[in-house]
């Protein structure tokens, strides 16, 4: 039995990796002032020593559980990282929102918006636990994973610089370039631009390290980069820069609300990074690898079919979204794209845009979905990306305005986010339906069905399900962050922080844990 398939070896590796993640997360909880309360899980009086002991035991057990869950996955380093993220998010729900109120505070389940906002720092901590644990497990089992090459590193740096330059341009137009490096509102300067491009290069190098080989479509690469951008937002402006400039973790709702433009910037940056890296990898293979295409049809023919299927699916998704827009009375606003205010013009513009985005989806996600589940997953993720690019960015540009990525300006577009997620789901299912009905005469039906079943099985064994779940996590995080804009809540946080000054240094708008 190989080490990879040996359950005992994987459990041991997971337990050790969980201990490493537990040290990082324990330092976070110590910083937040909640490590002492962990001892109450086993009926011990609150103490730092007891809290650390209980926490490290739990961290090891949870790490072993993570190793057991992903042991049989055909994962790359990136797959392991994304599974670690969603595993950490799951334990945020299980721990602070479920077990903590039941076992420590003897209260009801904390499954409400207020509790989610209060435990937002713990969500970031659990995500970092998942990342640290997955990276530690990667080091332990490094022989089981593909190692990046010099070519991967070069492509990653190039893709990161390009993505940072394009995203930085959007931030400059809003006067928010400093949010990319986590220093808030700063006037553009040569040194600031250098920091942005350097951050992009390092992020691109990290992306290449965890995703050395591109094996799927451009659409999947876009979504993978989209999720990687979310992780980069947590690690760079929310953690590294905060520790370097403030000497603390600025994870409170007030700071997250103020740093929200950086979240949209990093999501856009990640999507561009994923696409650029994928296209550079394809170009590299064409130029140097001397591989032959495995297309059933010529590139032109398949591309035209994808355009047609995507356009048709876009019409279906657009029709359903039309009903939602009519209830919201949004067609007058959409008509502004044509410098008009007639609802009929808005309906026409909406139909055209739905077709265009559907065609883009068809080109990016062809031969990527192999079942209804994957169709919904990729479609919803693409719908989220459209929401970041469309209503929050391109709409303002095309109407002669400056995009506004602040939390206060973005919060009213939450209904539009829901509509885009629905549109993406219908688009994904519709495209899958049209694509799955294609029956080339030269390929036996049995062979085609077996290939599709094998592709579906392989996709489910990668991080694709984790990526879909992470996209939904980011979508669900937005109302939590938007809630931080409520003035009463912000005043309450300041008052609570003032009343607890004796317990430690100020937390910079950090909301104390219950």
Protein backbone atom coordinates (compact mmCIF):
# COMPACT_ATOMS: atom_id res chain seq x y z
CA UNK A 1 0.00 0.00 0.00
CA UNK A 2 1.43 3.37 -1.01
CA UNK A 3 1.80 6.24 1.36
CA UNK A 4 -0.79 8.20 -0.61
CA UNK A 5 -3.45 5.56 -0.09
CA UNK A 6 -2.47 4.61 3.43
CA UNK A 7 -5.24 5.95 5.64
CA UNK A 8 -3.12 5.88 8.78
CA UNK A 9 -0.35 7.90 7.12
CA UNK A 10 -2.84 10.47 5.86
CA UNK A 11 -4.51 10.78 9.27
CA UNK A 12 -1.14 11.33 10.90
CA UNK A 13 -0.22 13.88 8.24
CA UNK A 14 -3.54 15.62 8.72
CA UNK A 15 -3.16 15.74 12.48
CA UNK A 16 0.31 17.28 12.20
CA UNK A 17 -0.91 19.76 9.56
CA UNK A 18 -3.86 20.60 11.79
CA UNK A 19 -1.45 21.34 14.64
CA UNK A 20 0.44 23.77 12.39
CA UNK A 21 -2.81 25.43 11.41
CA UNK A 22 -3.84 25.40 15.05
CA UNK A 23 -0.77 27.40 16.07
CA UNK A 24 -1.58 30.10 13.50
CA UNK A 25 -5.26 30.19 14.40
CA UNK A 26 -4.47 30.08 18.13
CA UNK A 27 -2.35 33.22 17.77
CA UNK A 28 -5.31 34.84 15.99
CA UNK A 29 -7.69 33.90 18.82
CA UNK A 30 -5.18 35.12 21.38
CA UNK A 31 -5.04 38.42 19.52
CA UNK A 32 -8.84 38.61 19.51
CA UNK A 33 -8.94 37.79 23.23
CA UNK A 34 -11.03 34.61 22.95
CA UNK A 35 -8.48 31.81 23.46
CA UNK A 36 -9.34 31.60 27.17
CA UNK A 37 -12.99 30.80 26.44
CA UNK A 38 -12.08 27.65 24.46
CA UNK A 39 -11.42 25.82 27.71
CA UNK A 40 -15.16 25.94 28.44
CA UNK A 41 -15.72 23.36 25.68
CA UNK A 42 -14.62 20.67 28.17
CA UNK A 43 -16.06 22.39 31.29
CA UNK A 44 -12.72 23.91 32.35
CA UNK A 45 -12.55 27.40 33.84
CA UNK A 46 -11.47 30.09 31.36
CA UNK A 47 -7.67 30.27 31.15
CA UNK A 48 -5.05 30.82 28.47
CA UNK A 49 -3.27 27.52 29.21
CA UNK A 50 -6.46 25.46 29.23
CA UNK A 51 -7.69 27.23 26.11
CA UNK A 52 -4.47 26.51 24.23
CA UNK A 53 -4.46 22.83 25.21
CA UNK A 54 -8.07 22.26 24.18
CA UNK A 55 -7.61 24.29 21.01
CA UNK A 56 -4.54 22.34 19.85
CA UNK A 57 -6.23 18.99 20.50
CA UNK A 58 -9.28 20.08 18.51
CA UNK A 59 -7.06 21.49 15.75
CA UNK A 60 -5.27 18.15 15.38
CA UNK A 61 -8.51 16.17 15.26
CA UNK A 62 -10.03 18.53 12.69
CA UNK A 63 -6.82 18.34 10.63
CA UNK A 64 -7.01 14.54 10.61
CA UNK A 65 -10.61 14.81 9.45
CA UNK A 66 -9.53 17.07 6.60
CA UNK A 67 -6.88 14.58 5.47
CA UNK A 68 -9.42 11.75 5.57
CA UNK A 69 -11.87 13.73 3.44
CA UNK A 70 -9.47 14.68 0.67
CA UNK A 71 -7.30 11.56 0.69
CA UNK A 72 -8.86 10.00 -2.41
CA UNK A 73 -9.21 13.22 -4.36
CA UNK A 74 -7.14 13.54 -7.52
CA UNK A 75 -5.86 16.86 -6.31
CA UNK A 76 -3.16 19.28 -7.27
CA UNK A 77 -1.70 21.75 -4.82
CA UNK A 78 -4.39 24.24 -5.84
CA UNK A 79 -7.14 21.71 -5.29
CA UNK A 80 -5.82 21.04 -1.80
CA UNK A 81 -5.73 24.77 -1.06
CA UNK A 82 -9.31 25.39 -2.18
CA UNK A 83 -10.59 22.39 -0.24
CA UNK A 84 -8.77 23.74 2.82
CA UNK A 85 -10.53 27.09 2.42
CA UNK A 86 -14.02 25.64 2.26
CA UNK A 87 -13.19 23.19 5.08
CA UNK A 88 -12.20 26.11 7.26
CA UNK A 89 -15.40 27.98 6.36
CA UNK A 90 -17.45 24.91 7.29
CA UNK A 91 -15.85 24.84 10.72
CA UNK A 92 -16.71 28.51 11.21
CA UNK A 93 -20.34 27.44 10.96
CA UNK A 94 -19.81 24.37 13.13
CA UNK A 95 -17.71 26.17 15.75
CA UNK A 96 -18.51 29.84 16.53
CA UNK A 97 -22.05 29.73 15.12
CA UNK A 98 -23.13 26.32 16.46
CA UNK A 99 -21.00 24.63 19.13
CA UNK A 100 -19.84 27.80 20.89
CA UNK A 101 -23.33 29.13 21.70
CA UNK A 102 -24.55 25.65 22.67
CA UNK A 103 -21.60 24.46 24.78
CA UNK A 104 -19.97 27.67 26.06
CA UNK A 105 -22.64 30.35 26.30
CA UNK A 106 -25.62 27.97 26.73
CA UNK A 107 -27.61 29.92 24.17
CA UNK A 108 -29.55 29.15 21.01
CA UNK A 109 -27.83 28.59 17.68
CA UNK A 110 -26.18 31.77 16.38
CA UNK A 111 -27.47 31.40 12.83
CA UNK A 112 -28.44 35.01 12.22
CA UNK A 113 -26.93 38.04 10.51
CA UNK A 114 -25.96 39.77 13.75
CA UNK A 115 -24.03 36.72 14.99
CA UNK A 116 -22.35 36.34 11.61
CA UNK A 117 -21.19 39.95 11.80
CA UNK A 118 -19.94 39.51 15.35
CA UNK A 119 -18.01 36.37 14.42
CA UNK A 120 -16.68 37.76 11.12
CA UNK A 121 -13.09 37.86 12.50
CA UNK A 122 -13.47 34.19 13.39
CA UNK A 123 -14.49 33.44 9.80
CA UNK A 124 -11.25 34.96 8.55
CA UNK A 125 -9.38 33.01 11.21
CA UNK A 126 -10.98 29.72 10.16
CA UNK A 127 -10.17 30.43 6.52
CA UNK A 128 -6.55 31.00 7.45
CA UNK A 129 -6.59 27.79 9.49
CA UNK A 130 -7.79 25.94 6.38
CA UNK A 131 -5.10 27.54 4.23
CA UNK A 132 -2.30 26.83 6.73
CA UNK A 133 -3.44 23.25 7.28
CA UNK A 134 -3.64 22.53 3.56
CA UNK A 135 -0.19 24.03 2.94
CA UNK A 136 1.31 22.03 5.82
CA UNK A 137 -0.28 18.87 4.43
CA UNK A 138 1.12 19.78 1.02
CA UNK A 139 4.64 19.96 2.48
CA UNK A 140 4.16 16.62 4.28
CA UNK A 141 2.91 14.87 1.13
CA UNK A 142 4.92 16.91 -1.37
CA UNK A 143 5.92 13.82 -3.36
CA UNK A 144 2.26 13.33 -4.32
CA UNK A 145 1.91 16.74 -5.98
CA UNK A 146 3.21 18.26 -9.17
CA UNK A 147 6.01 20.77 -8.74
CA UNK A 148 5.94 24.06 -10.68
CA UNK A 149 8.59 24.70 -13.31
CA UNK A 150 10.48 27.86 -14.23
CA UNK A 151 8.08 28.32 -17.14
CA UNK A 152 5.12 28.22 -14.74
CA UNK A 153 6.75 30.88 -12.57
CA UNK A 154 7.41 33.16 -15.54
CA UNK A 155 3.83 32.82 -16.80
CA UNK A 156 2.48 33.46 -13.31
CA UNK A 157 4.52 36.63 -12.83
CA UNK A 158 3.53 37.96 -16.27
CA UNK A 159 -0.14 37.19 -15.69
CA UNK A 160 -0.02 38.79 -12.23
CA UNK A 161 1.57 41.99 -13.49
CA UNK A 162 -0.96 42.31 -16.33
CA UNK A 163 -3.89 41.66 -13.99
CA UNK A 164 -2.56 44.14 -11.41
CA UNK A 165 -2.05 46.83 -14.07
CA UNK A 166 -5.60 46.46 -15.41
CA UNK A 167 -7.16 46.36 -11.96
CA UNK A 168 -5.02 49.26 -10.80
CA UNK A 169 -6.29 51.37 -13.70
CA UNK A 170 -9.87 50.79 -12.53
CA UNK A 171 -8.87 51.79 -8.99
CA UNK A 172 -7.06 54.92 -10.16
CA UNK A 173 -10.24 56.12 -11.86
CA UNK A 174 -11.95 55.90 -8.46
CA UNK A 175 -9.04 57.33 -6.49
CA UNK A 176 -8.70 54.03 -4.62
CA UNK A 177 -5.38 52.63 -5.81
CA UNK A 178 -4.10 52.34 -2.24
CA UNK A 179 -6.81 49.76 -1.43
CA UNK A 180 -5.00 47.19 -3.58
CA UNK A 181 -2.08 47.17 -1.16
CA UNK A 182 -4.23 47.74 1.92
CA UNK A 183 -3.24 51.33 2.79
CA UNK A 184 -6.58 52.99 2.03
CA UNK A 185 -7.08 56.22 0.12
CA UNK A 186 -3.76 57.47 -1.26
CA UNK A 187 -2.94 59.59 -4.28
CA UNK A 188 -1.37 57.56 -7.12
CA UNK A 189 2.40 57.75 -7.22
CA UNK A 190 5.29 55.87 -8.79
CA UNK A 191 6.06 54.07 -5.53
CA UNK A 192 2.41 53.10 -5.04
CA UNK A 193 2.19 51.75 -8.59
CA UNK A 194 5.40 49.80 -7.98
CA UNK A 195 3.81 48.27 -4.90
CA UNK A 196 0.68 47.33 -6.86
CA UNK A 197 2.67 45.68 -9.66
CA UNK A 198 4.94 43.92 -7.15
CA UNK A 199 1.88 42.60 -5.30
CA UNK A 200 0.50 41.37 -8.61
CA UNK A 201 3.78 39.65 -9.50
CA UNK A 202 4.04 37.89 -6.12
CA UNK A 203 0.38 36.86 -6.27
CA UNK A 204 0.86 35.54 -9.81
CA UNK A 205 3.89 33.55 -8.67
CA UNK A 206 1.86 32.07 -5.80
CA UNK A 207 -0.95 31.21 -8.23
CA UNK A 208 1.49 29.41 -10.53
CA UNK A 209 2.88 27.50 -7.54
CA UNK A 210 -0.52 26.08 -6.59
CA UNK A 211 -1.87 25.70 -10.17
CA UNK A 212 1.22 24.76 -12.21
CA UNK A 213 -0.67 23.00 -15.01
CA UNK A 214 -3.90 24.12 -16.67
CA UNK A 215 -6.07 21.13 -17.54
CA UNK A 216 -9.52 22.60 -18.08
CA UNK A 217 -11.31 25.44 -19.84
CA UNK A 218 -10.67 29.17 -19.72
CA UNK A 219 -13.92 29.59 -17.80
CA UNK A 220 -12.77 27.27 -15.03
CA UNK A 221 -9.46 29.14 -14.92
CA UNK A 222 -11.36 32.44 -14.56
CA UNK A 223 -13.41 31.15 -11.63
CA UNK A 224 -10.36 29.57 -10.00
CA UNK A 225 -8.56 32.90 -10.24
CA UNK A 226 -11.67 34.66 -8.94
CA UNK A 227 -11.56 32.56 -5.75
CA UNK A 228 -7.78 32.98 -5.50
CA UNK A 229 -8.35 36.75 -5.59
CA UNK A 230 -10.63 36.41 -2.57
CA UNK A 231 -7.89 34.57 -0.70
CA UNK A 232 -5.34 37.21 -1.73
CA UNK A 233 -7.62 39.95 -0.35
CA UNK A 234 -7.69 38.20 3.04
CA UNK A 235 -3.95 37.60 3.12
CA UNK A 236 -2.60 40.88 1.72
CA UNK A 237 -4.64 43.97 2.74
CA UNK A 238 -6.60 42.32 5.55
CA UNK A 239 -3.71 40.50 7.24
CA UNK A 240 -0.12 41.13 6.10
CA UNK A 241 -0.45 44.88 5.58
CA UNK A 242 -2.55 45.25 8.73
CA UNK A 243 0.10 43.54 10.83
CA UNK A 244 2.91 45.48 9.18
CA UNK A 245 1.35 48.94 9.45
CA UNK A 246 -0.88 48.65 12.52
CA UNK A 247 0.73 45.90 14.53
CA UNK A 248 -2.64 44.13 14.72
CA UNK A 249 -5.22 42.21 12.74
CA UNK A 250 -7.76 44.77 11.46
CA UNK A 251 -10.51 42.20 10.98
CA UNK A 252 -13.41 44.15 12.48
CA UNK A 253 -16.58 44.92 10.55
CA UNK A 254 -15.69 48.60 10.37
CA UNK A 255 -12.37 47.90 8.65
CA UNK A 256 -13.92 45.26 6.34
CA UNK A 257 -16.58 47.80 5.35
CA UNK A 258 -13.94 50.44 4.59
CA UNK A 259 -11.75 47.91 2.75
CA UNK A 260 -14.61 46.63 0.60
CA UNK A 261 -13.28 48.30 -2.61
CA UNK A 262 -10.21 46.12 -2.19
CA UNK A 263 -12.40 42.99 -2.17
CA UNK A 264 -13.97 43.84 -5.54
CA UNK A 265 -10.54 44.81 -6.85
CA UNK A 266 -9.01 41.49 -5.83
CA UNK A 267 -11.93 39.51 -7.25
CA UNK A 268 -11.48 41.27 -10.59
CA UNK A 269 -7.70 40.88 -10.34
CA UNK A 270 -8.03 37.17 -9.64
CA UNK A 271 -10.35 36.58 -12.59
CA UNK A 272 -7.99 38.37 -14.97
CA UNK A 273 -5.02 36.53 -13.44
CA UNK A 274 -6.66 33.13 -13.98
CA UNK A 275 -7.56 33.92 -17.60
CA UNK A 276 -4.16 35.40 -18.42
CA UNK A 277 -2.32 32.45 -16.87
CA UNK A 278 -4.49 29.98 -18.77
CA UNK A 279 -4.00 31.72 -22.10
CA UNK A 280 -0.24 32.02 -21.56
CA UNK A 281 -0.10 28.32 -20.70
CA UNK A 282 -1.99 27.38 -23.86
CA UNK A 283 0.29 29.60 -25.95
CA UNK A 284 3.34 28.01 -24.29
CA UNK A 285 2.13 24.51 -25.16
CA UNK A 286 1.38 25.49 -28.75
CA UNK A 287 4.80 27.12 -29.21
CA UNK A 288 7.05 24.72 -27.33
CA UNK A 289 5.30 21.49 -26.33
CA UNK A 290 4.42 20.38 -29.85
CA UNK A 291 1.16 18.86 -28.66
CA UNK A 292 -1.70 18.18 -31.01
CA UNK A 293 -5.23 19.31 -30.42
CA UNK A 294 -7.71 16.73 -29.21
CA UNK A 295 -10.73 18.55 -30.59
CA UNK A 296 -13.50 16.54 -32.21
CA UNK A 297 -14.00 19.40 -34.64
CA UNK A 298 -11.88 22.27 -35.87
CA UNK A 299 -11.35 25.19 -33.51
CA UNK A 300 -13.48 27.47 -35.68
CA UNK A 301 -16.40 25.07 -35.91
CA UNK A 302 -16.45 24.28 -32.22
CA UNK A 303 -16.11 27.97 -31.36
CA UNK A 304 -19.09 28.89 -33.54
CA UNK A 305 -21.16 26.12 -31.96
CA UNK A 306 -20.20 27.37 -28.50
CA UNK A 307 -21.20 30.92 -29.45
CA UNK A 308 -24.59 29.74 -30.68
CA UNK A 309 -25.29 27.52 -27.68
CA UNK A 310 -24.19 30.19 -25.25
CA UNK A 311 -26.31 32.84 -26.94
CA UNK A 312 -29.39 30.62 -26.82
CA UNK A 313 -28.77 29.79 -23.16
CA UNK A 314 -28.23 33.50 -22.48
CA UNK A 315 -31.67 34.24 -23.89
CA UNK A 316 -33.20 31.68 -21.51
CA UNK A 317 -31.39 33.14 -18.52
CA UNK A 318 -32.21 36.68 -19.62
CA UNK A 319 -35.93 35.92 -19.84
CA UNK A 320 -36.04 34.78 -16.22
CA UNK A 321 -33.95 37.74 -15.11
CA UNK A 322 -36.31 40.03 -17.03
CA UNK A 323 -39.15 39.07 -14.67
CA UNK A 324 -36.99 40.02 -11.67
CA UNK A 325 -35.91 43.33 -13.24
CA UNK A 326 -39.52 44.21 -14.02
CA UNK A 327 -40.46 43.73 -10.37
CA UNK A 328 -37.52 45.94 -9.36
CA UNK A 329 -38.34 48.63 -11.92
CA UNK A 330 -34.79 48.59 -13.26
CA UNK A 331 -35.33 48.93 -17.00
CA UNK A 332 -35.21 52.74 -16.98
CA UNK A 333 -31.76 52.54 -15.45
CA UNK A 334 -30.58 49.94 -17.97
CA UNK A 335 -31.81 52.20 -20.79
CA UNK A 336 -29.16 54.72 -19.75
CA UNK A 337 -26.66 52.58 -21.65
CA UNK A 338 -28.34 53.94 -24.81
CA UNK A 339 -28.73 57.45 -23.34
CA UNK A 340 -32.49 56.87 -22.95
CA UNK A 341 -34.98 56.41 -20.11
CA UNK A 342 -37.63 54.35 -21.89
CA UNK A 343 -38.34 50.96 -20.22
CA UNK A 344 -38.80 49.36 -23.65
CA UNK A 345 -35.26 50.40 -24.58
CA UNK A 346 -34.08 48.94 -21.28
CA UNK A 347 -35.72 45.60 -22.11
CA UNK A 348 -34.02 45.55 -25.51
CA UNK A 349 -30.62 46.43 -24.05
CA UNK A 350 -31.03 43.77 -21.36
CA UNK A 351 -31.82 41.15 -24.02
CA UNK A 352 -28.74 42.07 -26.06
CA UNK A 353 -26.48 42.03 -22.98
CA UNK A 354 -27.90 38.62 -21.95
CA UNK A 355 -27.01 37.21 -25.36
CA UNK A 356 -23.51 38.71 -25.28
CA UNK A 357 -22.72 37.32 -21.84
CA UNK A 358 -24.18 33.97 -22.90
CA UNK A 359 -21.87 33.88 -25.92
CA UNK A 360 -18.89 34.70 -23.68
CA UNK A 361 -19.88 31.88 -21.34
CA UNK A 362 -20.11 29.49 -24.26
CA UNK A 363 -16.60 30.31 -25.41
CA UNK A 364 -15.08 30.13 -21.93
CA UNK A 365 -16.88 27.05 -20.57
CA UNK A 366 -17.21 24.78 -23.59
CA UNK A 367 -16.79 21.10 -22.70
CA UNK A 368 -16.50 22.05 -19.01
CA UNK A 369 -19.88 20.92 -17.65
CA UNK A 370 -20.77 17.23 -17.49
CA UNK A 371 -23.93 17.28 -15.40
CA UNK A 372 -26.58 19.58 -13.93
CA UNK A 373 -24.58 20.09 -10.75
CA UNK A 374 -21.44 21.31 -12.52
CA UNK A 375 -23.57 23.39 -14.90
CA UNK A 376 -25.17 25.23 -11.96
CA UNK A 377 -21.84 25.56 -10.16
CA UNK A 378 -19.94 27.09 -13.07
CA UNK A 379 -22.94 29.16 -14.15
CA UNK A 380 -23.47 30.72 -10.72
CA UNK A 381 -19.76 31.47 -10.42
CA UNK A 382 -19.81 33.16 -13.83
CA UNK A 383 -22.91 35.13 -12.81
CA UNK A 384 -21.06 36.46 -9.77
CA UNK A 385 -18.15 37.52 -11.96
CA UNK A 386 -20.56 39.29 -14.35
CA UNK A 387 -21.99 41.20 -11.38
CA UNK A 388 -18.52 42.47 -10.43
CA UNK A 389 -17.64 43.40 -14.02
CA UNK A 390 -21.06 44.59 -15.21
CA UNK A 391 -23.24 46.60 -12.77
CA UNK A 392 -20.28 47.58 -10.59
CA UNK A 393 -17.81 48.53 -13.31
CA UNK A 394 -18.79 48.55 -17.00
CA UNK A 395 -22.21 50.13 -16.48
CA UNK A 396 -20.66 53.24 -14.95
CA UNK A 397 -17.96 53.40 -17.63
CA UNK A 398 -20.44 53.06 -20.50
CA UNK A 399 -22.74 55.72 -19.05
CA UNK A 400 -19.90 58.21 -18.65
CA UNK A 401 -19.54 57.85 -14.89
CA UNK A 402 -16.77 56.69 -12.59
CA UNK A 403 -17.21 53.22 -11.05
CA UNK A 404 -17.83 53.30 -7.31
CA UNK A 405 -16.75 50.17 -5.43
CA UNK A 406 -17.42 51.47 -1.93
CA UNK A 407 -19.58 49.30 0.33
CA UNK A 408 -22.24 51.99 0.70
CA UNK A 409 -22.62 52.35 -3.08
CA UNK A 410 -22.46 48.60 -3.75
CA UNK A 411 -24.98 47.55 -1.08
CA UNK A 412 -28.06 48.68 -3.11
CA UNK A 413 -26.92 46.35 -5.90
CA UNK A 414 -27.45 43.24 -3.76
CA UNK A 415 -30.74 42.51 -5.55
CA UNK A 416 -28.84 42.71 -8.83
CA UNK A 417 -26.35 40.17 -7.44
CA UNK A 418 -29.17 37.70 -6.77
CA UNK A 419 -30.45 38.26 -10.30
CA UNK A 420 -27.03 37.62 -11.79
CA UNK A 421 -26.63 34.41 -9.79
CA UNK A 422 -30.01 33.20 -11.07
CA UNK A 423 -29.11 34.24 -14.61
CA UNK A 424 -25.82 32.36 -14.34
CA UNK A 425 -27.52 29.20 -13.06
CA UNK A 426 -30.03 29.16 -15.94
CA UNK A 427 -27.27 30.02 -18.40
CA UNK A 428 -25.11 27.15 -17.19
CA UNK A 429 -27.93 24.60 -17.28
CA UNK A 430 -29.12 25.80 -20.69
CA UNK A 431 -25.66 25.65 -22.21
CA UNK A 432 -25.09 22.18 -20.77
CA UNK A 433 -28.39 21.02 -22.28
CA UNK A 434 -27.51 22.27 -25.76
CA UNK A 435 -23.95 20.97 -25.57
CA UNK A 436 -24.93 17.52 -24.30
CA UNK A 437 -27.37 17.04 -27.20
CA UNK A 438 -24.58 17.38 -29.76
CA UNK A 439 -24.04 13.97 -31.34
CA UNK A 440 -21.17 13.95 -33.87
CA UNK A 441 -21.80 11.19 -36.39
CA UNK A 442 -18.16 10.06 -36.36
CA UNK A 443 -18.12 9.24 -32.64
CA UNK A 444 -19.98 6.16 -31.30
CA UNK A 445 -22.64 7.02 -28.73
CA UNK A 446 -21.31 4.53 -26.18
CA UNK A 447 -17.80 5.94 -26.46
CA UNK A 448 -19.14 9.47 -26.07
CA UNK A 449 -21.17 8.61 -22.95
CA UNK A 450 -18.24 6.78 -21.36
CA UNK A 451 -15.93 9.74 -21.98
CA UNK A 452 -18.47 12.14 -20.49
CA UNK A 453 -18.95 9.96 -17.41
CA UNK A 454 -15.18 9.75 -16.93
CA UNK A 455 -14.84 13.53 -17.26
CA UNK A 456 -17.64 14.09 -14.75
CA UNK A 457 -16.02 11.74 -12.26
CA UNK A 458 -12.62 13.42 -12.66
CA UNK A 459 -14.08 16.90 -12.19
CA UNK A 460 -15.84 15.93 -8.97
CA UNK A 461 -12.52 14.59 -7.66
CA UNK A 462 -10.87 17.97 -8.18
CA UNK A 463 -11.55 21.17 -6.26
CA UNK A 464 -14.44 22.17 -8.55
CA UNK A 465 -17.14 21.56 -5.87
CA UNK A 466 -15.05 23.49 -3.33
CA UNK A 467 -14.67 26.39 -5.77
CA UNK A 468 -18.44 26.55 -6.35
CA UNK A 469 -19.01 26.57 -2.59
CA UNK A 470 -16.38 29.28 -2.09
CA UNK A 471 -18.06 31.50 -4.66
CA UNK A 472 -21.31 31.20 -2.71
CA UNK A 473 -19.40 31.93 0.51
CA UNK A 474 -18.10 35.19 -0.96
CA UNK A 475 -21.62 36.07 -2.12
CA UNK A 476 -23.02 35.40 1.36
CA UNK A 477 -20.23 37.47 2.93
CA UNK A 478 -21.39 40.62 1.14
CA UNK A 479 -24.52 41.22 3.29
CA UNK A 480 -22.36 40.65 6.37
CA UNK A 481 -19.93 43.36 5.25
CA UNK A 482 -22.71 45.65 4.07
CA UNK A 483 -24.23 45.39 7.53
CA UNK A 484 -21.07 47.00 8.85
CA UNK A 485 -22.19 50.25 7.22
CA UNK A 486 -25.08 50.67 9.63
CA UNK A 487 -24.20 53.76 11.67
CA UNK A 488 -25.88 52.48 14.81
CA UNK A 489 -23.89 49.28 14.65
CA UNK A 490 -20.64 51.15 14.11
CA UNK A 491 -21.33 53.46 17.04
CA UNK A 492 -22.10 50.45 19.20
CA UNK A 493 -18.77 48.89 18.25
CA UNK A 494 -16.91 52.05 19.16
CA UNK A 495 -18.70 52.27 22.49
CA UNK A 496 -17.99 48.62 23.25
CA UNK A 497 -14.34 49.06 22.27
CA UNK A 498 -14.07 52.08 24.58
CA UNK A 499 -15.62 50.20 27.49
CA UNK A 500 -13.09 47.38 27.10
CA UNK A 501 -9.90 49.43 26.82
CA UNK A 502 -8.56 47.89 30.02
CA UNK A 503 -8.57 44.44 28.41
CA UNK A 504 -5.93 45.29 25.84
CA UNK A 505 -4.85 47.66 23.05
CA UNK A 506 -7.58 49.18 20.85
CA UNK A 507 -8.80 46.87 18.10
CA UNK A 508 -9.37 49.54 15.40
CA UNK A 509 -13.10 49.12 15.00
CA UNK A 510 -12.82 45.46 15.89
CA UNK A 511 -16.12 44.14 17.18
CA UNK A 512 -15.57 42.04 20.32
CA UNK A 513 -16.65 38.41 20.29
CA UNK A 514 -19.73 37.50 22.25
